[in-house]
Amino acid sequence: MEVVHKTGRRKKAIARVFLKDGKGKITVNKKDVNIYFTTPTLQYKINQPLSLTDNEKSYDIIVTVKGGGIKGQAEATRLAISKALTEINPDYRLILKPEGLLTRDPRMVERKKFGQKKARKKYQFSKR
C-alpha cells in the first residue's frame, strides 16, 4: 500500500497525516504520541478512529501539526486520521460518520470589534 496523505483542521490548528502499513506506531512532530499529547483525553481522541475501525496495530502514522492549542491539534489530527482511513476503505465511512469524526467543526474565535472590550463584551455604559 502506498502512503495516504490527508489534512485536518480545527480552529487555527492544521494537521497533516501520512498513513502507511505498519505496526501501529504514531509519531507527532517527530515525537511519540504519548509524549506530545500527554493527557489521556487527548490520547483517546487520537486513537478513537483507529479503535472504532479495529486498526490500532495496522498502520504507522506520521503527523505534522502546527497552530492552535493542544486540544485543537488533537481534534485536527483525529479528523485527518478519519479521512485517511475512509480513503483506504470506504466501508469505514459507515462507522465513522455517525460518530461525527468526518465533520469539520466550523466554530472559530469571533473577532474583536472596535469600540468594545472583546468580541461581545462592551465598555460599561454611563448615562450621566
Protein backbone atom coordinates (compact mmCIF):
# COMPACT_ATOMS: atom_id res chain seq x y z
CA MET A 1 0.00 0.00 0.00
CA GLU A 2 1.23 3.49 -0.80
CA VAL A 3 1.26 6.34 1.69
CA VAL A 4 -2.08 8.13 2.17
CA HIS A 5 -1.87 11.87 2.88
CA LYS A 6 -4.76 13.86 4.40
CA THR A 7 -5.19 17.13 6.29
CA GLY A 8 -7.49 18.04 9.16
CA ARG A 9 -8.32 21.42 10.66
CA ARG A 10 -9.80 22.70 13.92
CA LYS A 11 -9.79 26.40 14.90
CA LYS A 12 -6.25 27.54 13.99
CA ALA A 13 -4.68 24.05 14.13
CA ILE A 14 -3.73 22.25 10.92
CA ALA A 15 -2.68 18.58 10.98
CA ARG A 16 -1.08 16.69 8.09
CA VAL A 17 -1.29 12.91 8.39
CA PHE A 18 0.71 10.31 6.46
CA LEU A 19 -0.75 6.81 6.89
CA LYS A 20 1.03 3.64 5.77
CA ASP A 21 1.09 -0.05 6.63
CA GLY A 22 2.93 -0.84 9.84
CA LYS A 23 2.67 -1.91 13.45
CA GLY A 24 0.60 0.94 14.95
CA LYS A 25 3.35 3.49 15.70
CA ILE A 26 2.08 7.08 15.86
CA THR A 27 4.59 9.93 15.61
CA VAL A 28 3.55 13.57 16.11
CA ASN A 29 6.11 16.27 15.14
CA LYS A 30 8.93 13.69 15.42
CA LYS A 31 7.85 12.72 18.96
CA ASP A 32 5.91 9.74 20.24
CA VAL A 33 2.17 10.41 20.52
CA ASN A 34 2.18 9.78 24.29
CA ILE A 35 4.91 12.39 24.78
CA TYR A 36 3.32 15.05 22.56
CA PHE A 37 -0.27 14.56 23.75
CA THR A 38 0.23 13.96 27.47
CA THR A 39 -3.32 13.71 28.85
CA PRO A 40 -5.37 10.52 28.45
CA THR A 41 -8.27 12.50 26.96
CA LEU A 42 -6.15 13.76 24.07
CA GLN A 43 -4.64 10.31 23.52
CA TYR A 44 -8.16 8.85 23.38
CA LYS A 45 -9.14 11.43 20.74
CA ILE A 46 -6.18 10.46 18.56
CA ASN A 47 -6.90 6.71 18.86
CA GLN A 48 -10.70 6.99 18.51
CA PRO A 49 -10.97 6.46 14.70
CA LEU A 50 -8.42 3.62 14.86
CA SER A 51 -10.20 1.80 17.70
CA LEU A 52 -13.64 2.17 16.09
CA THR A 53 -12.36 0.57 12.87
CA ASP A 54 -10.16 -2.04 14.68
CA ASN A 55 -6.93 -0.71 13.12
CA GLU A 56 -4.86 0.13 16.23
CA LYS A 57 -1.98 -2.14 15.17
CA SER A 58 -2.42 -1.97 11.37
CA TYR A 59 -0.95 1.37 10.30
CA ASP A 60 2.02 3.59 11.10
CA ILE A 61 1.01 7.25 11.28
CA ILE A 62 3.26 10.27 10.91
CA VAL A 63 1.64 13.58 11.89
CA THR A 64 2.89 17.12 11.44
CA VAL A 65 0.68 19.58 13.28
CA LYS A 66 1.00 23.33 13.79
CA GLY A 67 -1.02 26.25 15.07
CA GLY A 68 -3.69 26.48 17.72
CA GLY A 69 -3.69 24.85 21.12
CA ILE A 70 -3.05 21.26 22.14
CA LYS A 71 -6.74 20.28 22.14
CA GLY A 72 -7.37 21.80 18.71
CA GLN A 73 -4.31 19.99 17.40
CA ALA A 74 -5.61 16.67 18.75
CA GLU A 75 -9.03 17.18 17.14
CA ALA A 76 -7.46 18.23 13.83
CA THR A 77 -5.32 15.07 13.91
CA ARG A 78 -8.41 12.94 14.65
CA LEU A 79 -10.21 14.39 11.61
CA ALA A 80 -7.20 13.79 9.34
CA ILE A 81 -6.81 10.17 10.51
CA SER A 82 -10.53 9.56 9.93
CA LYS A 83 -10.30 10.99 6.40
CA ALA A 84 -7.26 8.83 5.62
CA LEU A 85 -8.98 5.67 6.87
CA THR A 86 -12.05 6.32 4.69
CA GLU A 87 -9.80 6.74 1.65
CA ILE A 88 -8.19 3.36 2.35
CA ASN A 89 -11.53 1.59 2.91
CA PRO A 90 -14.82 3.36 2.00
CA ASP A 91 -16.72 0.96 4.31
CA TYR A 92 -15.18 2.76 7.33
CA ARG A 93 -17.30 5.78 6.43
CA LEU A 94 -20.39 3.97 7.73
CA ILE A 95 -18.67 3.54 11.12
CA LEU A 96 -17.01 6.98 11.44
CA LYS A 97 -19.78 9.24 10.06
CA PRO A 98 -22.39 8.55 12.80
CA GLU A 99 -19.73 9.29 15.46
CA GLY A 100 -19.14 12.72 13.89
CA LEU A 101 -15.49 12.03 13.09
CA LEU A 102 -15.70 13.09 9.43
CA THR A 103 -17.21 16.52 10.11
CA ARG A 104 -15.01 19.59 10.38
CA ASP A 105 -16.00 21.68 13.39
CA PRO A 106 -16.65 25.16 11.91
CA ARG A 107 -16.54 27.07 15.21
CA MET A 108 -13.84 29.75 15.23
CA VAL A 109 -12.92 32.57 17.58
CA GLU A 110 -15.04 35.64 16.90
CA ARG A 111 -13.03 38.75 16.14
CA LYS A 112 -12.82 41.71 18.49
CA LYS A 113 -14.86 44.71 17.34
CA PHE A 114 -13.63 48.30 17.62
CA GLY A 115 -15.20 50.35 20.41
CA GLN A 116 -15.64 47.20 22.52
CA LYS A 117 -13.53 45.35 25.07
CA LYS A 118 -13.81 41.94 23.36
CA ALA A 119 -15.91 40.31 20.66
CA ARG A 120 -19.19 40.72 22.57
CA LYS A 121 -18.25 42.42 25.85
CA LYS A 122 -18.70 46.18 25.80
CA TYR A 123 -17.43 49.04 27.91
CA GLN A 124 -19.72 49.97 30.78
CA PHE A 125 -22.44 52.40 29.71
CA SER A 126 -22.73 55.58 31.71
CA LYS A 127 -25.94 57.55 31.38
CA ARG A 128 -24.61 60.63 33.20
